[in-house]
Amino acid sequence: MKIVLAAAAVAAVLAAPSALAGGATLTGTVGPGYTIALTQNGKKVTSVKAGTYTFKIGDKSSFHDFHLKGPGVDKKTSVSGTGSRSWTVTLKAGTYTFQCDPHRSIMHGSFKVS
C-alpha cells in the first residue's frame, strides 16, 4: 500500500512540471557598464517552465534600470537607484522581455515560458 501511494505521489509531481519551478531563483543584473543579463545557476535563461520564481535583481548603475515585462508582469528597478531587489513573480506561458529602459535599443533580452 505504501509503495502504491509513493508511486502515485511521484507520478503527480512528474505530471505537473510547473510545480517543479516553485522556489526557483532567477538572477538579473544590470550595469555597471552597458550590460544586462538574466541567469539561472550561472547560465543564460532562454526558457523556463511556468511557475513561481524569485527574481534577485542586482542594479549596479545609477543610469540603468532592470525592467521585466510579460503576460501579467511589469516590474522594474528605478533608473537613478542602485542595489539589490527581490521579486516573487508567477510566470505564465508566453514571451517575457527584460531591458534597460533608457538604453532599450542595446540593452535587452527575452525568454520563453512554457
PDB file of N, CA and C in Angstrom:
ATOM      1  N   MET A   1       0.819  -1.189   0.000  1.00  0.00           N
ATOM      2  CA  MET A   1       0.000   0.000   0.000  1.00  0.00           C
ATOM      3  C   MET A   1       0.870   1.262   0.000  1.00  0.00           C
ATOM      4  N   LYS A   2       1.943   1.285   0.828  1.00  0.00           N
ATOM      5  CA  LYS A   2       2.822   2.450   0.897  1.00  0.00           C
ATOM      6  C   LYS A   2       3.527   2.681  -0.431  1.00  0.00           C
ATOM      7  N   ILE A   3       3.917   1.605  -1.101  1.00  0.00           N
ATOM      8  CA  ILE A   3       4.612   1.727  -2.384  1.00  0.00           C
ATOM      9  C   ILE A   3       3.679   2.331  -3.428  1.00  0.00           C
ATOM     10  N   VAL A   4       2.423   1.920  -3.442  1.00  0.00           N
ATOM     11  CA  VAL A   4       1.449   2.448  -4.390  1.00  0.00           C
ATOM     12  C   VAL A   4       1.246   3.938  -4.158  1.00  0.00           C
ATOM     13  N   LEU A   5       1.114   4.355  -2.904  1.00  0.00           N
ATOM     14  CA  LEU A   5       0.931   5.775  -2.586  1.00  0.00           C
ATOM     15  C   LEU A   5       2.163   6.584  -2.974  1.00  0.00           C
ATOM     16  N   ALA A   6       3.341   6.065  -2.712  1.00  0.00           N
ATOM     17  CA  ALA A   6       4.573   6.771  -3.073  1.00  0.00           C
ATOM     18  C   ALA A   6       4.686   6.892  -4.588  1.00  0.00           C
ATOM     19  N   ALA A   7       4.356   5.850  -5.313  1.00  0.00           N
ATOM     20  CA  ALA A   7       4.405   5.886  -6.770  1.00  0.00           C
ATOM     21  C   ALA A   7       3.395   6.897  -7.311  1.00  0.00           C
ATOM     22  N   ALA A   8       2.224   6.964  -6.701  1.00  0.00           N
ATOM     23  CA  ALA A   8       1.208   7.930  -7.138  1.00  0.00           C
ATOM     24  C   ALA A   8       1.681   9.357  -6.880  1.00  0.00           C
ATOM     25  N   ALA A   9       2.349   9.602  -5.772  1.00  0.00           N
ATOM     26  CA  ALA A   9       2.866  10.943  -5.461  1.00  0.00           C
ATOM     27  C   ALA A   9       3.940  11.355  -6.458  1.00  0.00           C
ATOM     28  N   VAL A  10       4.830  10.441  -6.791  1.00  0.00           N
ATOM     29  CA  VAL A  10       5.879  10.729  -7.780  1.00  0.00           C
ATOM     30  C   VAL A  10       5.248  11.011  -9.133  1.00  0.00           C
ATOM     31  N   ALA A  11       4.275  10.231  -9.531  1.00  0.00           N
ATOM     32  CA  ALA A  11       3.601  10.431 -10.822  1.00  0.00           C
ATOM     33  C   ALA A  11       2.906  11.790 -10.864  1.00  0.00           C
ATOM     34  N   ALA A  12       2.319  12.220  -9.765  1.00  0.00           N
ATOM     35  CA  ALA A  12       1.629  13.516  -9.724  1.00  0.00           C
ATOM     36  C   ALA A  12       2.627  14.658  -9.907  1.00  0.00           C
ATOM     37  N   VAL A  13       3.778  14.572  -9.282  1.00  0.00           N
ATOM     38  CA  VAL A  13       4.796  15.616  -9.436  1.00  0.00           C
ATOM     39  C   VAL A  13       5.323  15.643 -10.862  1.00  0.00           C
ATOM     40  N   LEU A  14       5.572  14.479 -11.446  1.00  0.00           N
ATOM     41  CA  LEU A  14       6.084  14.421 -12.807  1.00  0.00           C
ATOM     42  C   LEU A  14       5.059  14.913 -13.821  1.00  0.00           C
ATOM     43  N   ALA A  15       3.794  14.769 -13.524  1.00  0.00           N
ATOM     44  CA  ALA A  15       2.752  15.201 -14.452  1.00  0.00           C
ATOM     45  C   ALA A  15       2.537  16.713 -14.409  1.00  0.00           C
ATOM     46  N   ALA A  16       3.067  17.385 -13.396  1.00  0.00           N
ATOM     47  CA  ALA A  16       2.868  18.831 -13.241  1.00  0.00           C
ATOM     48  C   ALA A  16       4.210  19.542 -13.219  1.00  0.00           C
ATOM     49  N   PRO A  17       4.838  19.754 -14.393  1.00  0.00           N
ATOM     50  CA  PRO A  17       6.164  20.348 -14.418  1.00  0.00           C
ATOM     51  C   PRO A  17       6.232  21.746 -13.826  1.00  0.00           C
ATOM     52  N   SER A  18       5.119  22.510 -13.846  1.00  0.00           N
ATOM     53  CA  SER A  18       5.168  23.844 -13.269  1.00  0.00           C
ATOM     54  C   SER A  18       5.404  23.777 -11.761  1.00  0.00           C
ATOM     55  N   ALA A  19       4.993  22.695 -11.127  1.00  0.00           N
ATOM     56  CA  ALA A  19       5.229  22.556  -9.700  1.00  0.00           C
ATOM     57  C   ALA A  19       6.716  22.455  -9.410  1.00  0.00           C
ATOM     58  N   LEU A  20       7.492  21.934 -10.355  1.00  0.00           N
ATOM     59  CA  LEU A  20       8.923  21.805 -10.149  1.00  0.00           C
ATOM     60  C   LEU A  20       9.621  23.165 -10.171  1.00  0.00           C
ATOM     61  N   ALA A  21       8.995  24.176 -10.785  1.00  0.00           N
ATOM     62  CA  ALA A  21       9.597  25.501 -10.878  1.00  0.00           C
ATOM     63  C   ALA A  21       9.501  26.244  -9.548  1.00  0.00           C
ATOM     64  N   GLY A  22       8.553  25.874  -8.693  1.00  0.00           N
ATOM     65  CA  GLY A  22       8.329  26.583  -7.452  1.00  0.00           C
ATOM     66  C   GLY A  22       9.601  26.727  -6.643  1.00  0.00           C
ATOM     67  N   GLY A  23       9.870  27.946  -6.208  1.00  0.00           N
ATOM     68  CA  GLY A  23      11.042  28.191  -5.393  1.00  0.00           C
ATOM     69  C   GLY A  23      12.315  28.423  -6.175  1.00  0.00           C
ATOM     70  N   ALA A  24      12.289  28.304  -7.490  1.00  0.00           N
ATOM     71  CA  ALA A  24      13.493  28.521  -8.292  1.00  0.00           C
ATOM     72  C   ALA A  24      13.851  30.004  -8.291  1.00  0.00           C
ATOM     73  N   THR A  25      15.143  30.280  -8.419  1.00  0.00           N
ATOM     74  CA  THR A  25      15.629  31.659  -8.414  1.00  0.00           C
ATOM     75  C   THR A  25      16.232  32.008  -9.763  1.00  0.00           C
ATOM     76  N   LEU A  26      15.855  33.164 -10.286  1.00  0.00           N
ATOM     77  CA  LEU A  26      16.442  33.734 -11.493  1.00  0.00           C
ATOM     78  C   LEU A  26      17.176  34.997 -11.065  1.00  0.00           C
ATOM     79  N   THR A  27      18.370  35.206 -11.607  1.00  0.00           N
ATOM     80  CA  THR A  27      19.205  36.325 -11.208  1.00  0.00           C
ATOM     81  C   THR A  27      19.346  37.310 -12.355  1.00  0.00           C
ATOM     82  N   GLY A  28      18.909  38.534 -12.123  1.00  0.00           N
ATOM     83  CA  GLY A  28      19.038  39.589 -13.114  1.00  0.00           C
ATOM     84  C   GLY A  28      20.097  40.583 -12.681  1.00  0.00           C
ATOM     85  N   THR A  29      20.904  41.040 -13.630  1.00  0.00           N
ATOM     86  CA  THR A  29      21.897  42.072 -13.335  1.00  0.00           C
ATOM     87  C   THR A  29      21.859  43.131 -14.427  1.00  0.00           C
ATOM     88  N   VAL A  30      22.100  44.354 -14.018  1.00  0.00           N
ATOM     89  CA  VAL A  30      22.196  45.459 -14.964  1.00  0.00           C
ATOM     90  C   VAL A  30      23.331  46.363 -14.498  1.00  0.00           C
ATOM     91  N   GLY A  31      24.223  46.699 -15.454  1.00  0.00           N
ATOM     92  CA  GLY A  31      25.390  47.521 -15.131  1.00  0.00           C
ATOM     93  C   GLY A  31      26.485  46.682 -14.525  1.00  0.00           C
ATOM     94  N   PRO A  32      27.609  47.315 -14.188  1.00  0.00           N
ATOM     95  CA  PRO A  32      27.836  48.751 -14.148  1.00  0.00           C
ATOM     96  C   PRO A  32      28.052  49.363 -15.537  1.00  0.00           C
ATOM     97  N   GLY A  33      28.521  48.604 -16.498  1.00  0.00           N
ATOM     98  CA  GLY A  33      28.651  49.115 -17.869  1.00  0.00           C
ATOM     99  C   GLY A  33      27.331  48.955 -18.591  1.00  0.00           C
ATOM    100  N   TYR A  34      27.387  48.808 -19.889  1.00  0.00           N
ATOM    101  CA  TYR A  34      26.176  48.641 -20.690  1.00  0.00           C
ATOM    102  C   TYR A  34      25.867  47.158 -20.856  1.00  0.00           C
ATOM    103  N   THR A  35      25.597  46.503 -19.731  1.00  0.00           N
ATOM    104  CA  THR A  35      25.289  45.074 -19.733  1.00  0.00           C
ATOM    105  C   THR A  35      23.998  44.818 -18.975  1.00  0.00           C
ATOM    106  N   ILE A  36      23.259  43.832 -19.450  1.00  0.00           N
ATOM    107  CA  ILE A  36      22.057  43.371 -18.759  1.00  0.00           C
ATOM    108  C   ILE A  36      21.966  41.869 -19.006  1.00  0.00           C
ATOM    109  N   ALA A  37      21.594  41.113 -17.986  1.00  0.00           N
ATOM    110  CA  ALA A  37      21.561  39.656 -18.122  1.00  0.00           C
ATOM    111  C   ALA A  37      20.525  39.057 -17.183  1.00  0.00           C
ATOM    112  N   LEU A  38      20.053  37.868 -17.543  1.00  0.00           N
ATOM    113  CA  LEU A  38      19.192  37.070 -16.684  1.00  0.00           C
ATOM    114  C   LEU A  38      19.738  35.656 -16.710  1.00  0.00           C
ATOM    115  N   THR A  39      20.081  35.127 -15.532  1.00  0.00           N
ATOM    116  CA  THR A  39      20.681  33.803 -15.440  1.00  0.00           C
ATOM    117  C   THR A  39      19.961  32.945 -14.402  1.00  0.00           C
ATOM    118  N   GLN A  40      20.179  31.657 -14.515  1.00  0.00           N
ATOM    119  CA  GLN A  40      19.735  30.698 -13.509  1.00  0.00           C
ATOM    120  C   GLN A  40      20.880  29.725 -13.304  1.00  0.00           C
ATOM    121  N   ASN A  41      21.366  29.638 -12.084  1.00  0.00           N
ATOM    122  CA  ASN A  41      22.517  28.790 -11.765  1.00  0.00           C
ATOM    123  C   ASN A  41      23.707  29.130 -12.652  1.00  0.00           C
ATOM    124  N   GLY A  42      23.891  30.420 -12.953  1.00  0.00           N
ATOM    125  CA  GLY A  42      25.035  30.870 -13.730  1.00  0.00           C
ATOM    126  C   GLY A  42      24.901  30.743 -15.238  1.00  0.00           C
ATOM    127  N   LYS A  43      23.769  30.245 -15.717  1.00  0.00           N
ATOM    128  CA  LYS A  43      23.571  30.068 -17.161  1.00  0.00           C
ATOM    129  C   LYS A  43      22.492  31.003 -17.671  1.00  0.00           C
ATOM    130  N   LYS A  44      22.688  31.526 -18.883  1.00  0.00           N
ATOM    131  CA  LYS A  44      21.735  32.429 -19.511  1.00  0.00           C
ATOM    132  C   LYS A  44      20.358  31.771 -19.591  1.00  0.00           C
ATOM    133  N   VAL A  45      19.325  32.512 -19.211  1.00  0.00           N
ATOM    134  CA  VAL A  45      17.959  32.000 -19.273  1.00  0.00           C
ATOM    135  C   VAL A  45      17.401  32.233 -20.676  1.00  0.00           C
ATOM    136  N   THR A  46      16.991  31.158 -21.340  1.00  0.00           N
ATOM    137  CA  THR A  46      16.318  31.263 -22.638  1.00  0.00           C
ATOM    138  C   THR A  46      14.900  30.716 -22.559  1.00  0.00           C
ATOM    139  N   SER A  47      14.662  29.782 -21.640  1.00  0.00           N
ATOM    140  CA  SER A  47      13.314  29.249 -21.445  1.00  0.00           C
ATOM    141  C   SER A  47      13.223  28.637 -20.049  1.00  0.00           C
ATOM    142  N   VAL A  48      12.022  28.725 -19.479  1.00  0.00           N
ATOM    143  CA  VAL A  48      11.730  28.119 -18.177  1.00  0.00           C
ATOM    144  C   VAL A  48      10.306  27.589 -18.214  1.00  0.00           C
ATOM    145  N   LYS A  49       9.974  26.757 -17.272  1.00  0.00           N
ATOM    146  CA  LYS A  49       8.613  26.253 -17.121  1.00  0.00           C
ATOM    147  C   LYS A  49       7.781  27.291 -16.370  1.00  0.00           C
ATOM    148  N   ALA A  50       6.489  27.322 -16.637  1.00  0.00           N
ATOM    149  CA  ALA A  50       5.583  28.210 -15.912  1.00  0.00           C
ATOM    150  C   ALA A  50       5.637  27.880 -14.424  1.00  0.00           C
ATOM    151  N   GLY A  51       5.489  28.889 -13.599  1.00  0.00           N
ATOM    152  CA  GLY A  51       5.500  28.695 -12.156  1.00  0.00           C
ATOM    153  C   GLY A  51       5.929  29.952 -11.446  1.00  0.00           C
ATOM    154  N   THR A  52       6.114  29.834 -10.153  1.00  0.00           N
ATOM    155  CA  THR A  52       6.501  30.975  -9.328  1.00  0.00           C
ATOM    156  C   THR A  52       8.009  30.966  -9.119  1.00  0.00           C
ATOM    157  N   TYR A  53       8.624  32.118  -9.368  1.00  0.00           N
ATOM    158  CA  TYR A  53      10.074  32.277  -9.275  1.00  0.00           C
ATOM    159  C   TYR A  53      10.415  33.460  -8.383  1.00  0.00           C
ATOM    160  N   THR A  54      11.580  33.395  -7.780  1.00  0.00           N
ATOM    161  CA  THR A  54      12.153  34.536  -7.091  1.00  0.00           C
ATOM    162  C   THR A  54      13.157  35.159  -8.034  1.00  0.00           C
ATOM    163  N   PHE A  55      12.974  36.430  -8.338  1.00  0.00           N
ATOM    164  CA  PHE A  55      13.920  37.186  -9.154  1.00  0.00           C
ATOM    165  C   PHE A  55      14.786  37.989  -8.213  1.00  0.00           C
ATOM    166  N   LYS A  56      16.084  37.743  -8.242  1.00  0.00           N
ATOM    167  CA  LYS A  56      17.043  38.523  -7.457  1.00  0.00           C
ATOM    168  C   LYS A  56      17.740  39.454  -8.436  1.00  0.00           C
ATOM    169  N   ILE A  57      17.493  40.739  -8.292  1.00  0.00           N
ATOM    170  CA  ILE A  57      17.992  41.729  -9.230  1.00  0.00           C
ATOM    171  C   ILE A  57      19.124  42.525  -8.587  1.00  0.00           C
ATOM    172  N   GLY A  58      20.246  42.601  -9.288  1.00  0.00           N
ATOM    173  CA  GLY A  58      21.376  43.432  -8.872  1.00  0.00           C
ATOM    174  C   GLY A  58      21.493  44.609  -9.824  1.00  0.00           C
ATOM    175  N   ASP A  59      21.096  45.786  -9.361  1.00  0.00           N
ATOM    176  CA  ASP A  59      21.152  47.004 -10.176  1.00  0.00           C
ATOM    177  C   ASP A  59      22.426  47.735  -9.769  1.00  0.00           C
ATOM    178  N   LYS A  60      23.418  47.715 -10.661  1.00  0.00           N
ATOM    179  CA  LYS A  60      24.750  48.220 -10.330  1.00  0.00           C
ATOM    180  C   LYS A  60      25.069  49.561 -10.975  1.00  0.00           C
ATOM    181  N   SER A  61      24.035  50.297 -11.400  1.00  0.00           N
ATOM    182  CA  SER A  61      24.281  51.569 -12.078  1.00  0.00           C
ATOM    183  C   SER A  61      23.162  52.557 -11.806  1.00  0.00           C
ATOM    184  N   SER A  62      23.537  53.804 -11.596  1.00  0.00           N
ATOM    185  CA  SER A  62      22.537  54.852 -11.355  1.00  0.00           C
ATOM    186  C   SER A  62      22.026  55.472 -12.656  1.00  0.00           C
ATOM    187  N   PHE A  63      22.360  54.877 -13.810  1.00  0.00           N
ATOM    188  CA  PHE A  63      21.769  55.351 -15.058  1.00  0.00           C
ATOM    189  C   PHE A  63      21.158  54.210 -15.884  1.00  0.00           C
ATOM    190  N   HIS A  64      20.914  53.079 -15.239  1.00  0.00           N
ATOM    191  CA  HIS A  64      20.220  51.953 -15.864  1.00  0.00           C
ATOM    192  C   HIS A  64      19.083  51.504 -14.946  1.00  0.00           C
ATOM    193  N   ASP A  65      18.138  50.750 -15.496  1.00  0.00           N
ATOM    194  CA  ASP A  65      17.153  50.029 -14.699  1.00  0.00           C
ATOM    195  C   ASP A  65      17.024  48.620 -15.264  1.00  0.00           C
ATOM    196  N   PHE A  66      16.393  47.745 -14.511  1.00  0.00           N
ATOM    197  CA  PHE A  66      16.077  46.390 -14.971  1.00  0.00           C
ATOM    198  C   PHE A  66      14.566  46.315 -15.024  1.00  0.00           C
ATOM    199  N   HIS A  67      14.004  46.183 -16.214  1.00  0.00           N
ATOM    200  CA  HIS A  67      12.558  46.198 -16.416  1.00  0.00           C
ATOM    201  C   HIS A  67      12.137  44.854 -17.007  1.00  0.00           C
ATOM    202  N   LEU A  68      11.328  44.114 -16.260  1.00  0.00           N
ATOM    203  CA  LEU A  68      10.811  42.802 -16.669  1.00  0.00           C
ATOM    204  C   LEU A  68       9.354  42.956 -17.089  1.00  0.00           C
ATOM    205  N   LYS A  69       9.032  42.495 -18.310  1.00  0.00           N
ATOM    206  CA  LYS A  69       7.655  42.583 -18.815  1.00  0.00           C
ATOM    207  C   LYS A  69       7.263  41.265 -19.469  1.00  0.00           C
ATOM    208  N   GLY A  70       5.979  40.932 -19.306  1.00  0.00           N
ATOM    209  CA  GLY A  70       5.428  39.740 -19.930  1.00  0.00           C
ATOM    210  C   GLY A  70       3.986  39.595 -19.524  1.00  0.00           C
ATOM    211  N   PRO A  71       3.356  38.459 -19.849  1.00  0.00           N
ATOM    212  CA  PRO A  71       1.946  38.260 -19.521  1.00  0.00           C
ATOM    213  C   PRO A  71       1.648  38.481 -18.036  1.00  0.00           C
ATOM    214  N   GLY A  72       1.003  39.599 -17.734  1.00  0.00           N
ATOM    215  CA  GLY A  72       0.633  39.922 -16.353  1.00  0.00           C
ATOM    216  C   GLY A  72       1.766  40.427 -15.478  1.00  0.00           C
ATOM    217  N   VAL A  73       2.937  40.707 -16.051  1.00  0.00           N
ATOM    218  CA  VAL A  73       4.105  41.124 -15.259  1.00  0.00           C
ATOM    219  C   VAL A  73       4.660  42.432 -15.813  1.00  0.00           C
ATOM    220  N   ASP A  74       4.924  43.379 -14.918  1.00  0.00           N
ATOM    221  CA  ASP A  74       5.565  44.640 -15.272  1.00  0.00           C
ATOM    222  C   ASP A  74       6.277  45.148 -14.020  1.00  0.00           C
ATOM    223  N   LYS A  75       7.526  44.713 -13.844  1.00  0.00           N
ATOM    224  CA  LYS A  75       8.308  45.056 -12.642  1.00  0.00           C
ATOM    225  C   LYS A  75       9.592  45.736 -13.089  1.00  0.00           C
ATOM    226  N   LYS A  76      10.036  46.741 -12.308  1.00  0.00           N
ATOM    227  CA  LYS A  76      11.294  47.383 -12.660  1.00  0.00           C
ATOM    228  C   LYS A  76      11.943  48.035 -11.458  1.00  0.00           C
ATOM    229  N   THR A  77      13.260  48.188 -11.580  1.00  0.00           N
ATOM    230  CA  THR A  77      14.013  48.966 -10.608  1.00  0.00           C
ATOM    231  C   THR A  77      13.998  50.415 -11.085  1.00  0.00           C
ATOM    232  N   SER A  78      14.462  51.336 -10.254  1.00  0.00           N
ATOM    233  CA  SER A  78      14.483  52.735 -10.683  1.00  0.00           C
ATOM    234  C   SER A  78      15.769  53.015 -11.456  1.00  0.00           C
ATOM    235  N   VAL A  79      15.698  53.976 -12.360  1.00  0.00           N
ATOM    236  CA  VAL A  79      16.872  54.343 -13.153  1.00  0.00           C
ATOM    237  C   VAL A  79      17.943  54.950 -12.253  1.00  0.00           C
ATOM    238  N   SER A  80      17.565  55.829 -11.353  1.00  0.00           N
ATOM    239  CA  SER A  80      18.563  56.522 -10.530  1.00  0.00           C
ATOM    240  C   SER A  80      19.049  55.694  -9.340  1.00  0.00           C
ATOM    241  N   GLY A  81      18.333  54.633  -9.004  1.00  0.00           N
ATOM    242  CA  GLY A  81      18.705  53.827  -7.840  1.00  0.00           C
ATOM    243  C   GLY A  81      19.662  52.702  -8.177  1.00  0.00           C
ATOM    244  N   THR A  82      20.296  52.182  -7.150  1.00  0.00           N
ATOM    245  CA  THR A  82      21.154  51.004  -7.274  1.00  0.00           C
ATOM    246  C   THR A  82      20.849  50.077  -6.108  1.00  0.00           C
ATOM    247  N   GLY A  83      21.403  48.878  -6.161  1.00  0.00           N
ATOM    248  CA  GLY A  83      21.233  47.942  -5.059  1.00  0.00           C
ATOM    249  C   GLY A  83      20.555  46.668  -5.488  1.00  0.00           C
ATOM    250  N   SER A  84      20.163  45.901  -4.497  1.00  0.00           N
ATOM    251  CA  SER A  84      19.545  44.596  -4.726  1.00  0.00           C
ATOM    252  C   SER A  84      18.051  44.667  -4.483  1.00  0.00           C
ATOM    253  N   ARG A  85      17.312  43.959  -5.306  1.00  0.00           N
ATOM    254  CA  ARG A  85      15.867  43.841  -5.169  1.00  0.00           C
ATOM    255  C   ARG A  85      15.512  42.364  -5.282  1.00  0.00           C
ATOM    256  N   SER A  86      14.412  41.995  -4.676  1.00  0.00           N
ATOM    257  CA  SER A  86      13.921  40.628  -4.784  1.00  0.00           C
ATOM    258  C   SER A  86      12.433  40.681  -5.080  1.00  0.00           C
ATOM    259  N   TRP A  87      12.027  40.002  -6.147  1.00  0.00           N
ATOM    260  CA  TRP A  87      10.621  39.942  -6.535  1.00  0.00           C
ATOM    261  C   TRP A  87      10.189  38.493  -6.588  1.00  0.00           C
ATOM    262  N   THR A  88       8.981  38.213  -6.131  1.00  0.00           N
ATOM    263  CA  THR A  88       8.363  36.911  -6.344  1.00  0.00           C
ATOM    264  C   THR A  88       7.372  37.093  -7.479  1.00  0.00           C
ATOM    265  N   VAL A  89       7.576  36.347  -8.563  1.00  0.00           N
ATOM    266  CA  VAL A  89       6.786  36.541  -9.775  1.00  0.00           C
ATOM    267  C   VAL A  89       6.266  35.190 -10.261  1.00  0.00           C
ATOM    268  N   THR A  90       4.986  35.152 -10.591  1.00  0.00           N
ATOM    269  CA  THR A  90       4.407  33.958 -11.197  1.00  0.00           C
ATOM    270  C   THR A  90       4.440  34.135 -12.705  1.00  0.00           C
ATOM    271  N   LEU A  91       5.186  33.273 -13.367  1.00  0.00           N
ATOM    272  CA  LEU A  91       5.331  33.327 -14.817  1.00  0.00           C
ATOM    273  C   LEU A  91       4.327  32.396 -15.474  1.00  0.00           C
ATOM    274  N   LYS A  92       3.602  32.928 -16.453  1.00  0.00           N
ATOM    275  CA  LYS A  92       2.641  32.160 -17.246  1.00  0.00           C
ATOM    276  C   LYS A  92       3.251  31.912 -18.617  1.00  0.00           C
ATOM    277  N   ALA A  93       2.682  31.003 -19.366  1.00  0.00           N
ATOM    278  CA  ALA A  93       3.185  30.706 -20.709  1.00  0.00           C
ATOM    279  C   ALA A  93       3.198  31.968 -21.563  1.00  0.00           C
ATOM    280  N   GLY A  94       4.280  32.153 -22.291  1.00  0.00           N
ATOM    281  CA  GLY A  94       4.408  33.313 -23.172  1.00  0.00           C
ATOM    282  C   GLY A  94       5.848  33.762 -23.267  1.00  0.00           C
ATOM    283  N   THR A  95       6.049  34.926 -23.858  1.00  0.00           N
ATOM    284  CA  THR A  95       7.380  35.508 -24.004  1.00  0.00           C
ATOM    285  C   THR A  95       7.521  36.681 -23.052  1.00  0.00           C
ATOM    286  N   TYR A  96       8.630  36.713 -22.358  1.00  0.00           N
ATOM    287  CA  TYR A  96       8.946  37.787 -21.418  1.00  0.00           C
ATOM    288  C   TYR A  96      10.181  38.522 -21.923  1.00  0.00           C
ATOM    289  N   THR A  97      10.225  39.820 -21.659  1.00  0.00           N
ATOM    290  CA  THR A  97      11.382  40.623 -22.038  1.00  0.00           C
ATOM    291  C   THR A  97      11.936  41.307 -20.809  1.00  0.00           C
ATOM    292  N   PHE A  98      13.220  41.609 -20.870  1.00  0.00           N
ATOM    293  CA  PHE A  98      13.842  42.447 -19.850  1.00  0.00           C
ATOM    294  C   PHE A  98      14.717  43.445 -20.588  1.00  0.00           C
ATOM    295  N   GLN A  99      14.775  44.651 -20.031  1.00  0.00           N
ATOM    296  CA  GLN A  99      15.518  45.708 -20.710  1.00  0.00           C
ATOM    297  C   GLN A  99      15.901  46.797 -19.728  1.00  0.00           C
ATOM    298  N   CYS A 100      16.832  47.618 -20.161  1.00  0.00           N
ATOM    299  CA  CYS A 100      17.129  48.884 -19.503  1.00  0.00           C
ATOM    300  C   CYS A 100      16.329  49.918 -20.282  1.00  0.00           C
ATOM    301  N   ASP A 101      15.382  50.573 -19.652  1.00  0.00           N
ATOM    302  CA  ASP A 101      14.511  51.492 -20.380  1.00  0.00           C
ATOM    303  C   ASP A 101      15.255  52.622 -21.090  1.00  0.00           C
ATOM    304  N   PRO A 102      16.219  53.306 -20.450  1.00  0.00           N
ATOM    305  CA  PRO A 102      16.903  54.383 -21.169  1.00  0.00           C
ATOM    306  C   PRO A 102      17.759  53.898 -22.342  1.00  0.00           C
ATOM    307  N   HIS A 103      18.162  52.618 -22.326  1.00  0.00           N
ATOM    308  CA  HIS A 103      19.054  52.086 -23.358  1.00  0.00           C
ATOM    309  C   HIS A 103      18.476  50.818 -23.983  1.00  0.00           C
ATOM    310  N   ARG A 104      17.165  50.775 -24.150  1.00  0.00           N
ATOM    311  CA  ARG A 104      16.477  49.555 -24.597  1.00  0.00           C
ATOM    312  C   ARG A 104      16.912  49.070 -25.974  1.00  0.00           C
ATOM    313  N   SER A 105      17.439  49.963 -26.809  1.00  0.00           N
ATOM    314  CA  SER A 105      17.844  49.515 -28.142  1.00  0.00           C
ATOM    315  C   SER A 105      19.094  48.637 -28.107  1.00  0.00           C
ATOM    316  N   ILE A 106      19.904  48.773 -27.061  1.00  0.00           N
ATOM    317  CA  ILE A 106      21.136  47.968 -26.970  1.00  0.00           C
ATOM    318  C   ILE A 106      21.202  47.071 -25.737  1.00  0.00           C
ATOM    319  N   MET A 107      20.344  47.323 -24.745  1.00  0.00           N
ATOM    320  CA  MET A 107      20.373  46.542 -23.504  1.00  0.00           C
ATOM    321  C   MET A 107      19.018  45.861 -23.308  1.00  0.00           C
ATOM    322  N   HIS A 108      18.913  44.632 -23.816  1.00  0.00           N
ATOM    323  CA  HIS A 108      17.637  43.926 -23.732  1.00  0.00           C
ATOM    324  C   HIS A 108      17.855  42.428 -23.896  1.00  0.00           C
ATOM    325  N   GLY A 109      16.845  41.679 -23.520  1.00  0.00           N
ATOM    326  CA  GLY A 109      16.844  40.230 -23.694  1.00  0.00           C
ATOM    327  C   GLY A 109      15.444  39.702 -23.561  1.00  0.00           C
ATOM    328  N   SER A 110      15.273  38.414 -23.842  1.00  0.00           N
ATOM    329  CA  SER A 110      13.956  37.797 -23.715  1.00  0.00           C
ATOM    330  C   SER A 110      14.112  36.315 -23.393  1.00  0.00           C
ATOM    331  N   PHE A 111      13.018  35.723 -22.925  1.00  0.00           N
ATOM    332  CA  PHE A 111      12.981  34.284 -22.668  1.00  0.00           C
ATOM    333  C   PHE A 111      11.546  33.814 -22.813  1.00  0.00           C
ATOM    334  N   LYS A 112      11.390  32.521 -23.042  1.00  0.00           N
ATOM    335  CA  LYS A 112      10.067  31.921 -23.222  1.00  0.00           C
ATOM    336  C   LYS A 112       9.693  31.117 -21.980  1.00  0.00           C
ATOM    337  N   VAL A 113       8.410  31.120 -21.692  1.00  0.00           N
ATOM    338  CA  VAL A 113       7.865  30.334 -20.595  1.00  0.00           C
ATOM    339  C   VAL A 113       6.851  29.361 -21.186  1.00  0.00           C
ATOM    340  N   SER A 114       7.017  28.079 -20.860  1.00  0.00           N
ATOM    341  CA  SER A 114       6.090  27.066 -21.383  1.00  0.00           C
ATOM    342  C   SER A 114       5.377  26.336 -20.262  1.00  0.00           C
TER     343      SER A 114
END
